[in-house]
Amino acid sequence: MIKNVGGIDRIIRILAGVVLLALTLTGTIGVWGWIGVVPLLTGLVGTCPAYLPFGIKTCKAPSKD
């Protein structure tokens, strides 16, 4: 699988996902908070399917040593 999510992007996705899930589990927000699974998984895996059609990459290119 092609990695297209960089460091800061991954951190933001993981934090957003955890916050949304925590708010859902505590009953602060409704069932829509389960959408937090998506940024959490894309942050952990390092690949965002929505980036692929547009050719977006927020990660550094691999070095050619």
N, C-alpha and C. Protein backbone atom coordinates (compact mmCIF):
# COMPACT_ATOMS: atom_id res chain seq x y z
N MET A 1 0.83 -1.18 0.00
CA MET A 1 0.00 0.00 0.00
C MET A 1 0.88 1.24 0.00
N ILE A 2 0.52 2.21 -0.79
CA ILE A 2 1.31 3.43 -0.93
C ILE A 2 1.06 4.36 0.25
N LYS A 3 2.13 4.78 0.89
CA LYS A 3 2.02 5.73 1.99
C LYS A 3 1.90 7.13 1.40
N ASN A 4 0.84 7.86 1.79
CA ASN A 4 0.68 9.21 1.29
C ASN A 4 0.30 10.21 2.39
N VAL A 5 0.42 9.79 3.64
CA VAL A 5 0.11 10.67 4.77
C VAL A 5 1.38 10.87 5.58
N GLY A 6 1.80 12.13 5.72
CA GLY A 6 3.04 12.45 6.41
C GLY A 6 2.87 12.59 7.91
N GLY A 7 3.96 12.97 8.58
CA GLY A 7 4.04 13.02 10.03
C GLY A 7 3.01 13.88 10.73
N ILE A 8 2.97 15.16 10.41
CA ILE A 8 2.03 16.07 11.08
C ILE A 8 0.60 15.69 10.72
N ASP A 9 0.36 15.34 9.48
CA ASP A 9 -0.96 14.92 9.02
C ASP A 9 -1.42 13.69 9.81
N ARG A 10 -0.52 12.74 10.02
CA ARG A 10 -0.85 11.53 10.78
C ARG A 10 -1.20 11.86 12.22
N ILE A 11 -0.43 12.73 12.84
CA ILE A 11 -0.68 13.10 14.24
C ILE A 11 -2.05 13.76 14.37
N ILE A 12 -2.35 14.68 13.48
CA ILE A 12 -3.64 15.38 13.52
C ILE A 12 -4.79 14.39 13.32
N ARG A 13 -4.64 13.47 12.37
CA ARG A 13 -5.69 12.48 12.11
C ARG A 13 -5.91 11.58 13.32
N ILE A 14 -4.83 11.11 13.93
CA ILE A 14 -4.95 10.23 15.09
C ILE A 14 -5.61 10.96 16.25
N LEU A 15 -5.17 12.18 16.52
CA LEU A 15 -5.76 12.95 17.62
C LEU A 15 -7.24 13.25 17.37
N ALA A 16 -7.57 13.64 16.15
CA ALA A 16 -8.97 13.94 15.83
C ALA A 16 -9.83 12.69 15.99
N GLY A 17 -9.32 11.56 15.52
CA GLY A 17 -10.07 10.31 15.64
C GLY A 17 -10.29 9.91 17.09
N VAL A 18 -9.25 10.01 17.90
CA VAL A 18 -9.37 9.65 19.31
C VAL A 18 -10.34 10.58 20.03
N VAL A 19 -10.27 11.88 19.75
CA VAL A 19 -11.17 12.84 20.39
C VAL A 19 -12.62 12.54 20.01
N LEU A 20 -12.89 12.33 18.73
CA LEU A 20 -14.25 12.04 18.29
C LEU A 20 -14.78 10.76 18.93
N LEU A 21 -13.97 9.73 18.98
CA LEU A 21 -14.41 8.48 19.59
C LEU A 21 -14.64 8.64 21.09
N ALA A 22 -13.76 9.37 21.75
CA ALA A 22 -13.93 9.60 23.20
C ALA A 22 -15.21 10.38 23.48
N LEU A 23 -15.49 11.40 22.67
CA LEU A 23 -16.72 12.18 22.86
C LEU A 23 -17.96 11.32 22.61
N THR A 24 -17.86 10.41 21.66
CA THR A 24 -18.99 9.51 21.39
C THR A 24 -19.20 8.54 22.53
N LEU A 25 -18.13 7.96 23.03
CA LEU A 25 -18.23 6.98 24.10
C LEU A 25 -18.70 7.59 25.42
N THR A 26 -18.42 8.87 25.63
CA THR A 26 -18.88 9.53 26.85
C THR A 26 -20.28 10.10 26.71
N GLY A 27 -20.86 10.01 25.51
CA GLY A 27 -22.21 10.49 25.29
C GLY A 27 -22.31 11.98 25.03
N THR A 28 -21.18 12.65 24.83
CA THR A 28 -21.17 14.08 24.57
C THR A 28 -21.74 14.40 23.19
N ILE A 29 -21.38 13.58 22.21
CA ILE A 29 -21.94 13.74 20.87
C ILE A 29 -22.62 12.44 20.48
N GLY A 30 -23.43 12.50 19.46
CA GLY A 30 -24.20 11.33 19.04
C GLY A 30 -23.40 10.32 18.25
N VAL A 31 -24.13 9.49 17.53
CA VAL A 31 -23.52 8.40 16.78
C VAL A 31 -22.62 8.88 15.65
N TRP A 32 -22.78 10.13 15.22
CA TRP A 32 -21.92 10.66 14.15
C TRP A 32 -20.46 10.70 14.58
N GLY A 33 -20.19 10.66 15.86
CA GLY A 33 -18.82 10.66 16.34
C GLY A 33 -18.04 9.41 15.97
N TRP A 34 -18.76 8.34 15.61
CA TRP A 34 -18.08 7.12 15.18
C TRP A 34 -17.32 7.32 13.88
N ILE A 35 -17.57 8.43 13.20
CA ILE A 35 -16.81 8.76 11.99
C ILE A 35 -15.33 8.95 12.34
N GLY A 36 -15.04 9.14 13.61
CA GLY A 36 -13.66 9.27 14.08
C GLY A 36 -12.81 8.04 13.80
N VAL A 37 -13.45 6.92 13.51
CA VAL A 37 -12.71 5.71 13.16
C VAL A 37 -11.92 5.93 11.86
N VAL A 38 -12.48 6.69 10.94
CA VAL A 38 -11.83 6.90 9.64
C VAL A 38 -10.50 7.64 9.77
N PRO A 39 -10.47 8.84 10.40
CA PRO A 39 -9.16 9.50 10.52
C PRO A 39 -8.19 8.72 11.39
N LEU A 40 -8.71 8.01 12.39
CA LEU A 40 -7.83 7.21 13.25
C LEU A 40 -7.15 6.12 12.43
N LEU A 41 -7.91 5.39 11.64
CA LEU A 41 -7.32 4.31 10.83
C LEU A 41 -6.39 4.84 9.75
N THR A 42 -6.78 5.91 9.07
CA THR A 42 -5.92 6.45 8.02
C THR A 42 -4.63 7.00 8.62
N GLY A 43 -4.70 7.54 9.82
CA GLY A 43 -3.50 8.02 10.49
C GLY A 43 -2.58 6.89 10.91
N LEU A 44 -3.17 5.81 11.41
CA LEU A 44 -2.37 4.67 11.85
C LEU A 44 -1.75 3.92 10.68
N VAL A 45 -2.50 3.77 9.60
CA VAL A 45 -2.01 3.04 8.43
C VAL A 45 -1.06 3.89 7.59
N GLY A 46 -1.33 5.20 7.53
CA GLY A 46 -0.47 6.09 6.75
C GLY A 46 -0.91 6.26 5.32
N THR A 47 -2.11 5.80 5.00
CA THR A 47 -2.64 5.92 3.64
C THR A 47 -4.05 6.48 3.70
N CYS A 48 -4.31 7.48 2.86
CA CYS A 48 -5.64 8.07 2.77
C CYS A 48 -6.18 7.81 1.36
N PRO A 49 -7.23 6.98 1.24
CA PRO A 49 -7.79 6.69 -0.08
C PRO A 49 -8.30 7.93 -0.80
N ALA A 50 -8.73 8.94 -0.08
CA ALA A 50 -9.23 10.17 -0.70
C ALA A 50 -8.11 10.96 -1.37
N TYR A 51 -6.87 10.78 -0.94
CA TYR A 51 -5.74 11.47 -1.53
C TYR A 51 -5.32 10.86 -2.87
N LEU A 52 -5.56 9.56 -3.05
CA LEU A 52 -5.06 8.85 -4.23
C LEU A 52 -5.51 9.43 -5.57
N PRO A 53 -6.81 9.69 -5.80
CA PRO A 53 -7.21 10.21 -7.12
C PRO A 53 -6.62 11.57 -7.46
N PHE A 54 -6.27 12.34 -6.43
CA PHE A 54 -5.74 13.68 -6.65
C PHE A 54 -4.22 13.73 -6.63
N GLY A 55 -3.57 12.63 -6.31
CA GLY A 55 -2.11 12.57 -6.29
C GLY A 55 -1.50 13.35 -5.14
N ILE A 56 -2.26 13.55 -4.08
CA ILE A 56 -1.77 14.31 -2.92
C ILE A 56 -0.90 13.41 -2.05
N LYS A 57 0.23 13.94 -1.62
CA LYS A 57 1.11 13.24 -0.67
C LYS A 57 1.60 14.26 0.33
N THR A 58 1.41 13.96 1.61
CA THR A 58 1.93 14.86 2.64
C THR A 58 3.16 14.27 3.31
N CYS A 59 3.62 13.12 2.83
CA CYS A 59 4.82 12.51 3.38
C CYS A 59 6.03 12.85 2.50
N LYS A 60 7.17 12.70 3.07
CA LYS A 60 8.40 12.97 2.32
C LYS A 60 8.63 11.88 1.29
N ALA A 61 9.20 12.26 0.17
CA ALA A 61 9.54 11.29 -0.87
C ALA A 61 10.69 10.43 -0.39
N PRO A 62 10.68 9.14 -0.74
CA PRO A 62 11.79 8.28 -0.31
C PRO A 62 13.10 8.73 -0.95
N SER A 63 14.17 8.64 -0.17
CA SER A 63 15.47 9.06 -0.68
C SER A 63 16.02 8.01 -1.63
N LYS A 64 16.79 8.45 -2.63
CA LYS A 64 17.38 7.53 -3.61
C LYS A 64 18.88 7.42 -3.34
N ASP A 65 19.22 6.60 -2.35
CA ASP A 65 20.65 6.42 -2.00
C ASP A 65 21.25 5.27 -2.72
